[in-house]
Amino acid sequence: MPSIQATRLVTVSTAILTGHGVPRSTAKIVAASLVKSNLLRHDSHGVMRLPRYLDCMKQGKIAPRAQPVVVRSA
């Protein structure tokens, strides 16, 4: 399995998301969260989710320009 530095993976994931209409600030948060999941060994919630997110955007299930809101913080 190839190894990619976490910072590079955040950069690439951010670029993918912004390329699909997600504002850069939101894309960076989502990308960092996905990579953190991978680093914590929760790969099922990591960057492997990106293709699904992109499919959901194409289907109109995810609005790429929506503003996320924190409803509860740990």
PDB file of N, CA and C in Angstrom:
ATOM      1  N   MET A   1       0.842  -1.169   0.000  1.00  0.00           N
ATOM      2  CA  MET A   1       0.000   0.000   0.000  1.00  0.00           C
ATOM      3  C   MET A   1       0.894   1.241   0.000  1.00  0.00           C
ATOM      4  N   PRO A   2       0.577   2.216  -0.840  1.00  0.00           N
ATOM      5  CA  PRO A   2       1.413   3.415  -0.884  1.00  0.00           C
ATOM      6  C   PRO A   2       1.280   4.238   0.400  1.00  0.00           C
ATOM      7  N   SER A   3       2.329   4.945   0.725  1.00  0.00           N
ATOM      8  CA  SER A   3       2.341   5.808   1.898  1.00  0.00           C
ATOM      9  C   SER A   3       2.403   7.264   1.439  1.00  0.00           C
ATOM     10  N   ILE A   4       1.518   8.085   1.998  1.00  0.00           N
ATOM     11  CA  ILE A   4       1.458   9.506   1.640  1.00  0.00           C
ATOM     12  C   ILE A   4       1.496  10.308   2.936  1.00  0.00           C
ATOM     13  N   GLN A   5       2.297  11.361   2.954  1.00  0.00           N
ATOM     14  CA  GLN A   5       2.358  12.223   4.128  1.00  0.00           C
ATOM     15  C   GLN A   5       0.981  12.837   4.391  1.00  0.00           C
ATOM     16  N   ALA A   6       0.604  12.930   5.648  1.00  0.00           N
ATOM     17  CA  ALA A   6      -0.716  13.451   6.029  1.00  0.00           C
ATOM     18  C   ALA A   6      -0.942  14.859   5.485  1.00  0.00           C
ATOM     19  N   THR A   7       0.070  15.705   5.563  1.00  0.00           N
ATOM     20  CA  THR A   7      -0.104  17.086   5.080  1.00  0.00           C
ATOM     21  C   THR A   7      -0.377  17.111   3.582  1.00  0.00           C
ATOM     22  N   ARG A   8       0.285  16.246   2.860  1.00  0.00           N
ATOM     23  CA  ARG A   8       0.064  16.159   1.406  1.00  0.00           C
ATOM     24  C   ARG A   8      -1.344  15.641   1.119  1.00  0.00           C
ATOM     25  N   LEU A   9      -1.793  14.674   1.897  1.00  0.00           N
ATOM     26  CA  LEU A   9      -3.115  14.111   1.704  1.00  0.00           C
ATOM     27  C   LEU A   9      -4.209  15.146   1.993  1.00  0.00           C
ATOM     28  N   VAL A  10      -3.989  15.983   2.998  1.00  0.00           N
ATOM     29  CA  VAL A  10      -4.935  17.071   3.273  1.00  0.00           C
ATOM     30  C   VAL A  10      -4.964  18.039   2.090  1.00  0.00           C
ATOM     31  N   THR A  11      -3.804  18.370   1.558  1.00  0.00           N
ATOM     32  CA  THR A  11      -3.720  19.294   0.422  1.00  0.00           C
ATOM     33  C   THR A  11      -4.448  18.742  -0.794  1.00  0.00           C
ATOM     34  N   VAL A  12      -4.197  17.481  -1.111  1.00  0.00           N
ATOM     35  CA  VAL A  12      -4.834  16.855  -2.280  1.00  0.00           C
ATOM     36  C   VAL A  12      -6.342  16.722  -2.072  1.00  0.00           C
ATOM     37  N   SER A  13      -6.743  16.296  -0.890  1.00  0.00           N
ATOM     38  CA  SER A  13      -8.173  16.147  -0.603  1.00  0.00           C
ATOM     39  C   SER A  13      -8.887  17.501  -0.663  1.00  0.00           C
ATOM     40  N   THR A  14      -8.237  18.535  -0.150  1.00  0.00           N
ATOM     41  CA  THR A  14      -8.798  19.889  -0.223  1.00  0.00           C
ATOM     42  C   THR A  14      -8.975  20.307  -1.674  1.00  0.00           C
ATOM     43  N   ALA A  15      -7.981  20.042  -2.500  1.00  0.00           N
ATOM     44  CA  ALA A  15      -8.054  20.398  -3.919  1.00  0.00           C
ATOM     45  C   ALA A  15      -9.186  19.653  -4.622  1.00  0.00           C
ATOM     46  N   ILE A  16      -9.361  18.396  -4.285  1.00  0.00           N
ATOM     47  CA  ILE A  16     -10.447  17.608  -4.886  1.00  0.00           C
ATOM     48  C   ILE A  16     -11.793  18.222  -4.524  1.00  0.00           C
ATOM     49  N   LEU A  17     -11.962  18.544  -3.259  1.00  0.00           N
ATOM     50  CA  LEU A  17     -13.231  19.111  -2.810  1.00  0.00           C
ATOM     51  C   LEU A  17     -13.488  20.493  -3.422  1.00  0.00           C
ATOM     52  N   THR A  18     -12.471  21.338  -3.432  1.00  0.00           N
ATOM     53  CA  THR A  18     -12.667  22.669  -4.021  1.00  0.00           C
ATOM     54  C   THR A  18     -12.931  22.566  -5.518  1.00  0.00           C
ATOM     55  N   GLY A  19     -12.351  21.569  -6.149  1.00  0.00           N
ATOM     56  CA  GLY A  19     -12.599  21.343  -7.573  1.00  0.00           C
ATOM     57  C   GLY A  19     -14.030  20.931  -7.865  1.00  0.00           C
ATOM     58  N   HIS A  20     -14.748  20.536  -6.822  1.00  0.00           N
ATOM     59  CA  HIS A  20     -16.153  20.149  -6.972  1.00  0.00           C
ATOM     60  C   HIS A  20     -17.095  21.168  -6.332  1.00  0.00           C
ATOM     61  N   GLY A  21     -16.584  22.380  -6.116  1.00  0.00           N
ATOM     62  CA  GLY A  21     -17.443  23.470  -5.674  1.00  0.00           C
ATOM     63  C   GLY A  21     -17.522  23.734  -4.185  1.00  0.00           C
ATOM     64  N   VAL A  22     -16.757  23.000  -3.393  1.00  0.00           N
ATOM     65  CA  VAL A  22     -16.764  23.239  -1.951  1.00  0.00           C
ATOM     66  C   VAL A  22     -15.858  24.440  -1.665  1.00  0.00           C
ATOM     67  N   PRO A  23     -16.347  25.417  -0.887  1.00  0.00           N
ATOM     68  CA  PRO A  23     -15.482  26.554  -0.538  1.00  0.00           C
ATOM     69  C   PRO A  23     -14.206  26.077   0.151  1.00  0.00           C
ATOM     70  N   ARG A  24     -13.110  26.759  -0.124  1.00  0.00           N
ATOM     71  CA  ARG A  24     -11.802  26.327   0.375  1.00  0.00           C
ATOM     72  C   ARG A  24     -11.776  26.144   1.895  1.00  0.00           C
ATOM     73  N   SER A  25     -12.364  27.068   2.632  1.00  0.00           N
ATOM     74  CA  SER A  25     -12.327  26.958   4.100  1.00  0.00           C
ATOM     75  C   SER A  25     -13.040  25.690   4.579  1.00  0.00           C
ATOM     76  N   THR A  26     -14.162  25.378   3.978  1.00  0.00           N
ATOM     77  CA  THR A  26     -14.899  24.161   4.334  1.00  0.00           C
ATOM     78  C   THR A  26     -14.139  22.927   3.874  1.00  0.00           C
ATOM     79  N   ALA A  27     -13.594  22.980   2.664  1.00  0.00           N
ATOM     80  CA  ALA A  27     -12.851  21.841   2.118  1.00  0.00           C
ATOM     81  C   ALA A  27     -11.665  21.480   3.004  1.00  0.00           C
ATOM     82  N   LYS A  28     -10.975  22.492   3.534  1.00  0.00           N
ATOM     83  CA  LYS A  28      -9.828  22.228   4.399  1.00  0.00           C
ATOM     84  C   LYS A  28     -10.253  21.529   5.693  1.00  0.00           C
ATOM     85  N   ILE A  29     -11.389  21.941   6.245  1.00  0.00           N
ATOM     86  CA  ILE A  29     -11.890  21.309   7.474  1.00  0.00           C
ATOM     87  C   ILE A  29     -12.272  19.856   7.214  1.00  0.00           C
ATOM     88  N   VAL A  30     -12.998  19.628   6.136  1.00  0.00           N
ATOM     89  CA  VAL A  30     -13.428  18.266   5.799  1.00  0.00           C
ATOM     90  C   VAL A  30     -12.205  17.391   5.513  1.00  0.00           C
ATOM     91  N   ALA A  31     -11.282  17.893   4.709  1.00  0.00           N
ATOM     92  CA  ALA A  31     -10.083  17.121   4.364  1.00  0.00           C
ATOM     93  C   ALA A  31      -9.275  16.770   5.612  1.00  0.00           C
ATOM     94  N   ALA A  32      -9.076  17.742   6.489  1.00  0.00           N
ATOM     95  CA  ALA A  32      -8.306  17.493   7.715  1.00  0.00           C
ATOM     96  C   ALA A  32      -9.009  16.455   8.596  1.00  0.00           C
ATOM     97  N   SER A  33     -10.322  16.521   8.654  1.00  0.00           N
ATOM     98  CA  SER A  33     -11.084  15.557   9.449  1.00  0.00           C
ATOM     99  C   SER A  33     -10.961  14.145   8.880  1.00  0.00           C
ATOM    100  N   LEU A  34     -11.046  14.032   7.561  1.00  0.00           N
ATOM    101  CA  LEU A  34     -10.914  12.724   6.923  1.00  0.00           C
ATOM    102  C   LEU A  34      -9.525  12.134   7.163  1.00  0.00           C
ATOM    103  N   VAL A  35      -8.509  12.956   6.998  1.00  0.00           N
ATOM    104  CA  VAL A  35      -7.136  12.478   7.201  1.00  0.00           C
ATOM    105  C   VAL A  35      -6.912  12.106   8.668  1.00  0.00           C
ATOM    106  N   LYS A  36      -7.470  12.898   9.578  1.00  0.00           N
ATOM    107  CA  LYS A  36      -7.336  12.565  11.003  1.00  0.00           C
ATOM    108  C   LYS A  36      -7.947  11.198  11.296  1.00  0.00           C
ATOM    109  N   SER A  37      -9.071  10.912  10.660  1.00  0.00           N
ATOM    110  CA  SER A  37      -9.688   9.596  10.838  1.00  0.00           C
ATOM    111  C   SER A  37      -8.741   8.493  10.392  1.00  0.00           C
ATOM    112  N   ASN A  38      -8.073   8.700   9.262  1.00  0.00           N
ATOM    113  CA  ASN A  38      -7.090   7.716   8.806  1.00  0.00           C
ATOM    114  C   ASN A  38      -5.946   7.569   9.805  1.00  0.00           C
ATOM    115  N   LEU A  39      -5.459   8.684  10.314  1.00  0.00           N
ATOM    116  CA  LEU A  39      -4.339   8.639  11.253  1.00  0.00           C
ATOM    117  C   LEU A  39      -4.722   7.932  12.550  1.00  0.00           C
ATOM    118  N   LEU A  40      -5.999   8.002  12.905  1.00  0.00           N
ATOM    119  CA  LEU A  40      -6.487   7.312  14.096  1.00  0.00           C
ATOM    120  C   LEU A  40      -6.886   5.870  13.797  1.00  0.00           C
ATOM    121  N   ARG A  41      -6.614   5.448  12.565  1.00  0.00           N
ATOM    122  CA  ARG A  41      -6.885   4.091  12.085  1.00  0.00           C
ATOM    123  C   ARG A  41      -8.374   3.774  11.955  1.00  0.00           C
ATOM    124  N   HIS A  42      -9.144   4.813  11.719  1.00  0.00           N
ATOM    125  CA  HIS A  42     -10.569   4.649  11.416  1.00  0.00           C
ATOM    126  C   HIS A  42     -10.734   4.859   9.910  1.00  0.00           C
ATOM    127  N   ASP A  43     -10.099   3.993   9.141  1.00  0.00           N
ATOM    128  CA  ASP A  43     -10.033   4.183   7.694  1.00  0.00           C
ATOM    129  C   ASP A  43     -11.401   4.251   7.026  1.00  0.00           C
ATOM    130  N   SER A  44     -12.383   3.584   7.589  1.00  0.00           N
ATOM    131  CA  SER A  44     -13.715   3.613   6.985  1.00  0.00           C
ATOM    132  C   SER A  44     -14.334   5.010   7.033  1.00  0.00           C
ATOM    133  N   HIS A  45     -13.768   5.894   7.849  1.00  0.00           N
ATOM    134  CA  HIS A  45     -14.252   7.273   7.950  1.00  0.00           C
ATOM    135  C   HIS A  45     -13.196   8.263   7.450  1.00  0.00           C
ATOM    136  N   GLY A  46     -12.226   7.747   6.727  1.00  0.00           N
ATOM    137  CA  GLY A  46     -11.137   8.575   6.223  1.00  0.00           C
ATOM    138  C   GLY A  46     -11.347   9.003   4.776  1.00  0.00           C
ATOM    139  N   VAL A  47     -10.245   9.235   4.090  1.00  0.00           N
ATOM    140  CA  VAL A  47     -10.303   9.765   2.728  1.00  0.00           C
ATOM    141  C   VAL A  47     -10.974   8.818   1.734  1.00  0.00           C
ATOM    142  N   MET A  48     -11.155   7.562   2.134  1.00  0.00           N
ATOM    143  CA  MET A  48     -11.884   6.657   1.239  1.00  0.00           C
ATOM    144  C   MET A  48     -13.337   7.108   1.061  1.00  0.00           C
ATOM    145  N   ARG A  49     -13.805   8.030   1.914  1.00  0.00           N
ATOM    146  CA  ARG A  49     -15.162   8.568   1.810  1.00  0.00           C
ATOM    147  C   ARG A  49     -15.295   9.590   0.669  1.00  0.00           C
ATOM    148  N   LEU A  50     -14.180  10.149   0.209  1.00  0.00           N
ATOM    149  CA  LEU A  50     -14.248  11.191  -0.816  1.00  0.00           C
ATOM    150  C   LEU A  50     -15.055  10.797  -2.055  1.00  0.00           C
ATOM    151  N   PRO A  51     -14.827   9.632  -2.659  1.00  0.00           N
ATOM    152  CA  PRO A  51     -15.631   9.287  -3.838  1.00  0.00           C
ATOM    153  C   PRO A  51     -17.132   9.272  -3.545  1.00  0.00           C
ATOM    154  N   ARG A  52     -17.503   8.794  -2.370  1.00  0.00           N
ATOM    155  CA  ARG A  52     -18.927   8.777  -1.986  1.00  0.00           C
ATOM    156  C   ARG A  52     -19.457  10.202  -1.834  1.00  0.00           C
ATOM    157  N   TYR A  53     -18.664  11.073  -1.200  1.00  0.00           N
ATOM    158  CA  TYR A  53     -19.079  12.469  -1.051  1.00  0.00           C
ATOM    159  C   TYR A  53     -19.286  13.110  -2.424  1.00  0.00           C
ATOM    160  N   LEU A  54     -18.374  12.848  -3.342  1.00  0.00           N
ATOM    161  CA  LEU A  54     -18.482  13.433  -4.686  1.00  0.00           C
ATOM    162  C   LEU A  54     -19.707  12.898  -5.413  1.00  0.00           C
ATOM    163  N   ASP A  55     -19.978  11.601  -5.278  1.00  0.00           N
ATOM    164  CA  ASP A  55     -21.187  11.024  -5.879  1.00  0.00           C
ATOM    165  C   ASP A  55     -22.438  11.680  -5.304  1.00  0.00           C
ATOM    166  N   CYS A  56     -22.453  11.869  -3.984  1.00  0.00           N
ATOM    167  CA  CYS A  56     -23.616  12.499  -3.346  1.00  0.00           C
ATOM    168  C   CYS A  56     -23.787  13.940  -3.825  1.00  0.00           C
ATOM    169  N   MET A  57     -22.689  14.636  -4.076  1.00  0.00           N
ATOM    170  CA  MET A  57     -22.779  16.002  -4.619  1.00  0.00           C
ATOM    171  C   MET A  57     -23.406  15.972  -6.007  1.00  0.00           C
ATOM    172  N   LYS A  58     -22.950  15.040  -6.837  1.00  0.00           N
ATOM    173  CA  LYS A  58     -23.492  14.928  -8.196  1.00  0.00           C
ATOM    174  C   LYS A  58     -24.976  14.594  -8.184  1.00  0.00           C
ATOM    175  N   GLN A  59     -25.411  13.817  -7.183  1.00  0.00           N
ATOM    176  CA  GLN A  59     -26.816  13.415  -7.075  1.00  0.00           C
ATOM    177  C   GLN A  59     -27.671  14.469  -6.365  1.00  0.00           C
ATOM    178  N   GLY A  60     -27.048  15.517  -5.875  1.00  0.00           N
ATOM    179  CA  GLY A  60     -27.778  16.560  -5.181  1.00  0.00           C
ATOM    180  C   GLY A  60     -28.083  16.245  -3.726  1.00  0.00           C
ATOM    181  N   LYS A  61     -27.475  15.199  -3.191  1.00  0.00           N
ATOM    182  CA  LYS A  61     -27.697  14.813  -1.796  1.00  0.00           C
ATOM    183  C   LYS A  61     -26.827  15.619  -0.829  1.00  0.00           C
ATOM    184  N   ILE A  62     -25.720  16.135  -1.330  1.00  0.00           N
ATOM    185  CA  ILE A  62     -24.842  17.011  -0.553  1.00  0.00           C
ATOM    186  C   ILE A  62     -24.715  18.309  -1.329  1.00  0.00           C
ATOM    187  N   ALA A  63     -24.972  19.419  -0.634  1.00  0.00           N
ATOM    188  CA  ALA A  63     -24.825  20.748  -1.242  1.00  0.00           C
ATOM    189  C   ALA A  63     -23.407  21.234  -0.971  1.00  0.00           C
ATOM    190  N   PRO A  64     -22.554  21.277  -2.000  1.00  0.00           N
ATOM    191  CA  PRO A  64     -21.147  21.614  -1.773  1.00  0.00           C
ATOM    192  C   PRO A  64     -20.923  23.005  -1.187  1.00  0.00           C
ATOM    193  N   ARG A  65     -21.843  23.931  -1.376  1.00  0.00           N
ATOM    194  CA  ARG A  65     -21.669  25.278  -0.877  1.00  0.00           C
ATOM    195  C   ARG A  65     -22.372  25.523   0.467  1.00  0.00           C
ATOM    196  N   ALA A  66     -22.948  24.481   1.041  1.00  0.00           N
ATOM    197  CA  ALA A  66     -23.636  24.612   2.330  1.00  0.00           C
ATOM    198  C   ALA A  66     -22.634  25.003   3.418  1.00  0.00           C
ATOM    199  N   GLN A  67     -23.087  25.783   4.373  1.00  0.00           N
ATOM    200  CA  GLN A  67     -22.249  26.190   5.483  1.00  0.00           C
ATOM    201  C   GLN A  67     -22.460  25.244   6.660  1.00  0.00           C
ATOM    202  N   PRO A  68     -21.422  24.496   7.063  1.00  0.00           N
ATOM    203  CA  PRO A  68     -21.585  23.585   8.198  1.00  0.00           C
ATOM    204  C   PRO A  68     -21.789  24.349   9.492  1.00  0.00           C
ATOM    205  N   VAL A  69     -22.540  23.752  10.410  1.00  0.00           N
ATOM    206  CA  VAL A  69     -22.830  24.346  11.705  1.00  0.00           C
ATOM    207  C   VAL A  69     -22.545  23.311  12.794  1.00  0.00           C
ATOM    208  N   VAL A  70     -21.852  23.708  13.834  1.00  0.00           N
ATOM    209  CA  VAL A  70     -21.594  22.816  14.961  1.00  0.00           C
ATOM    210  C   VAL A  70     -22.839  22.807  15.841  1.00  0.00           C
ATOM    211  N   VAL A  71     -23.432  21.621  16.026  1.00  0.00           N
ATOM    212  CA  VAL A  71     -24.612  21.505  16.867  1.00  0.00           C
ATOM    213  C   VAL A  71     -24.265  20.981  18.251  1.00  0.00           C
ATOM    214  N   ARG A  72     -23.117  20.321  18.348  1.00  0.00           N
ATOM    215  CA  ARG A  72     -22.672  19.831  19.649  1.00  0.00           C
ATOM    216  C   ARG A  72     -21.177  19.609  19.595  1.00  0.00           C
ATOM    217  N   SER A  73     -20.514  20.022  20.617  1.00  0.00           N
ATOM    218  CA  SER A  73     -19.069  19.845  20.700  1.00  0.00           C
ATOM    219  C   SER A  73     -18.743  18.947  21.885  1.00  0.00           C
ATOM    220  N   ALA A  74     -17.775  18.076  21.690  1.00  0.00           N
ATOM    221  CA  ALA A  74     -17.409  17.127  22.756  1.00  0.00           C
ATOM    222  C   ALA A  74     -16.719  17.817  23.895  1.00  0.00           C
TER     223      ALA A  74
END
